[in-house]
C-alpha atoms as a PDB file:
ATOM      1  CA  MET A   1      -0.038   0.005   0.083  1.00  0.00           C
ATOM      2  CA  LYS A   2       1.570   3.211  -1.124  1.00  0.00           C
ATOM      3  CA  LEU A   3       0.711   6.396   0.948  1.00  0.00           C
ATOM      4  CA  SER A   4       0.811   9.846  -0.644  1.00  0.00           C
ATOM      5  CA  ALA A   5       2.702  12.728   0.939  1.00  0.00           C
ATOM      6  CA  PHE A   6      -0.564  14.393   1.833  1.00  0.00           C
ATOM      7  CA  ARG A   7      -1.814  11.322   3.746  1.00  0.00           C
ATOM      8  CA  ILE A   8       1.475  11.033   5.622  1.00  0.00           C
ATOM      9  CA  VAL A   9       1.207  14.726   6.601  1.00  0.00           C
ATOM     10  CA  ILE A  10      -2.377  14.210   7.845  1.00  0.00           C
ATOM     11  CA  ILE A  11      -1.570  11.139   9.887  1.00  0.00           C
ATOM     12  CA  PHE A  12       1.354  12.859  11.429  1.00  0.00           C
ATOM     13  CA  SER A  13      -0.688  15.738  12.303  1.00  0.00           C
ATOM     14  CA  VAL A  14      -3.358  13.636  13.932  1.00  0.00           C
ATOM     15  CA  PHE A  15      -0.771  11.840  15.949  1.00  0.00           C
ATOM     16  CA  ALA A  16       0.872  15.159  16.996  1.00  0.00           C
ATOM     17  CA  LEU A  17      -2.527  16.616  17.931  1.00  0.00           C
ATOM     18  CA  LEU A  18      -3.235  13.312  20.033  1.00  0.00           C
ATOM     19  CA  ALA A  19       0.265  13.673  21.616  1.00  0.00           C
ATOM     20  CA  GLY A  20      -0.373  17.252  22.570  1.00  0.00           C
ATOM     21  CA  ILE A  21      -3.755  16.443  24.166  1.00  0.00           C
ATOM     22  CA  MET A  22      -2.334  13.416  26.155  1.00  0.00           C
ATOM     23  CA  LEU A  23       0.677  15.587  27.187  1.00  0.00           C
ATOM     24  CA  SER A  24      -1.669  18.200  28.717  1.00  0.00           C
ATOM     25  CA  LYS A  25      -3.310  15.486  30.758  1.00  0.00           C
ATOM     26  CA  LEU A  26      -0.221  14.456  32.481  1.00  0.00           C
ATOM     27  CA  SER A  27       0.755  15.905  35.662  1.00  0.00           C
ATOM     28  CA  ILE A  28       4.277  16.957  35.406  1.00  0.00           C
ATOM     29  CA  SER A  29       6.201  18.536  38.217  1.00  0.00           C
ATOM     30  CA  PHE A  30       9.493  20.291  37.530  1.00  0.00           C
ATOM     31  CA  MET A  31      10.212  20.832  41.188  1.00  0.00           C
ATOM     32  CA  PRO A  32      10.294  17.941  43.543  1.00  0.00           C
ATOM     33  CA  PRO A  33       8.036  18.051  46.602  1.00  0.00           C
ATOM     34  CA  SER A  34       9.589  19.881  49.535  1.00  0.00           C
ATOM     35  CA  ARG A  35      10.134  17.712  52.585  1.00  0.00           C
ATOM     36  CA  GLY A  36      11.899  20.653  54.461  1.00  0.00           C
ATOM     37  CA  SER A  37      14.972  22.514  53.769  1.00  0.00           C
ATOM     38  CA  ILE A  38      18.236  21.157  54.963  1.00  0.00           C
ATOM     39  CA  LEU A  39      21.552  22.845  54.822  1.00  0.00           C
ATOM     40  CA  THR A  40      24.728  20.930  55.287  1.00  0.00           C
ATOM     41  CA  VAL A  41      28.156  22.481  55.678  1.00  0.00           C
ATOM     42  CA  SER A  42      31.291  20.478  55.795  1.00  0.00           C
ATOM     43  CA  TYR A  43      34.870  21.505  56.163  1.00  0.00           C
ATOM     44  CA  GLY A  44      38.050  20.151  57.150  1.00  0.00           C
ATOM     45  CA  LEU A  45      41.185  21.630  58.770  1.00  0.00           C
ATOM     46  CA  GLU A  46      44.241  19.431  58.199  1.00  0.00           C
ATOM     47  CA  ASN A  47      46.081  18.339  61.433  1.00  0.00           C
ATOM     48  CA  SER A  48      43.989  20.448  63.632  1.00  0.00           C
ATOM     49  CA  ASP A  49      42.716  19.847  67.263  1.00  0.00           C
ATOM     50  CA  PRO A  50      38.919  19.609  67.420  1.00  0.00           C
ATOM     51  CA  LEU A  51      38.901  22.486  69.990  1.00  0.00           C
ATOM     52  CA  ILE A  52      40.670  24.684  67.640  1.00  0.00           C
ATOM     53  CA  SER A  53      38.233  23.874  64.823  1.00  0.00           C
ATOM     54  CA  GLU A  54      35.293  24.577  67.162  1.00  0.00           C
ATOM     55  CA  GLN A  55      36.635  27.932  68.178  1.00  0.00           C
ATOM     56  CA  SER A  56      37.983  29.096  64.759  1.00  0.00           C
ATOM     57  CA  VAL A  57      35.289  28.014  62.345  1.00  0.00           C
ATOM     58  CA  THR A  58      32.229  26.017  63.812  1.00  0.00           C
ATOM     59  CA  SER A  59      31.221  28.807  66.314  1.00  0.00           C
ATOM     60  CA  ILE A  60      31.613  31.556  63.607  1.00  0.00           C
ATOM     61  CA  LEU A  61      29.383  29.566  61.203  1.00  0.00           C
ATOM     62  CA  GLU A  62      26.811  28.735  63.880  1.00  0.00           C
ATOM     63  CA  ASN A  63      26.608  32.391  64.831  1.00  0.00           C
ATOM     64  CA  SER A  64      26.280  33.472  61.131  1.00  0.00           C
ATOM     65  CA  LEU A  65      23.533  30.859  60.360  1.00  0.00           C
ATOM     66  CA  SER A  66      21.661  31.593  63.387  1.00  0.00           C
ATOM     67  CA  THR A  67      20.821  35.036  62.030  1.00  0.00           C
ATOM     68  CA  ILE A  68      18.706  33.512  59.150  1.00  0.00           C
ATOM     69  CA  SER A  69      15.058  33.503  59.954  1.00  0.00           C
ATOM     70  CA  GLY A  70      13.082  30.270  59.698  1.00  0.00           C
ATOM     71  CA  ILE A  71      15.712  27.968  61.129  1.00  0.00           C
ATOM     72  CA  LYS A  72      14.153  25.478  63.464  1.00  0.00           C
ATOM     73  CA  LYS A  73      17.123  23.361  64.376  1.00  0.00           C
ATOM     74  CA  GLN A  74      20.847  23.726  64.235  1.00  0.00           C
ATOM     75  CA  SER A  75      23.529  21.124  65.203  1.00  0.00           C
ATOM     76  CA  SER A  76      27.206  20.635  64.614  1.00  0.00           C
ATOM     77  CA  ILE A  77      29.585  17.790  64.971  1.00  0.00           C
ATOM     78  CA  VAL A  78      33.338  18.249  65.459  1.00  0.00           C
ATOM     79  CA  SER A  79      35.410  15.168  65.335  1.00  0.00           C
ATOM     80  CA  PRO A  80      39.129  14.506  65.682  1.00  0.00           C
ATOM     81  CA  PRO A  81      41.199  13.984  62.583  1.00  0.00           C
ATOM     82  CA  PRO A  82      41.530  10.426  61.293  1.00  0.00           C
ATOM     83  CA  ILE A  83      44.389   8.507  62.446  1.00  0.00           C
ATOM     84  CA  PRO A  84      47.150   8.641  59.722  1.00  0.00           C
ATOM     85  CA  TYR A  85      47.806   5.594  57.725  1.00  0.00           C
ATOM     86  CA  CYS A  86      51.062   3.808  58.834  1.00  0.00           C
ATOM     87  CA  LYS A  87      52.626   1.103  56.643  1.00  0.00           C
ATOM     88  CA  VAL A  88      54.862  -1.321  58.397  1.00  0.00           C
ATOM     89  CA  GLY A  89      57.612  -2.750  56.270  1.00  0.00           C
ATOM     90  CA  LYS A  90      61.055  -3.950  56.266  1.00  0.00           C
ATOM     91  CA  LEU A  91      63.878  -1.646  55.654  1.00  0.00           C
ATOM     92  CA  VAL A  92      66.521  -2.892  53.132  1.00  0.00           C
END
């Protein structure tokens, strides 16, 4: 069966019209639903004591972030630096 160019254009137009109608029926959300705003700030100070990190950076960040309205909860964790990797081997 041979289709003329006119029939192909008509069939394509019908399919495009149906696709447009069906697309308008879909519920599309470009923004995901909000479950609450969370802000995470991470930083690292190499070879520093946790007390120094707390005094020099964490307390300053906490004070600055506390001025933002709408914050319900604020917490911070200061941990010691990881133990350096030591490789035990044989000296030649």
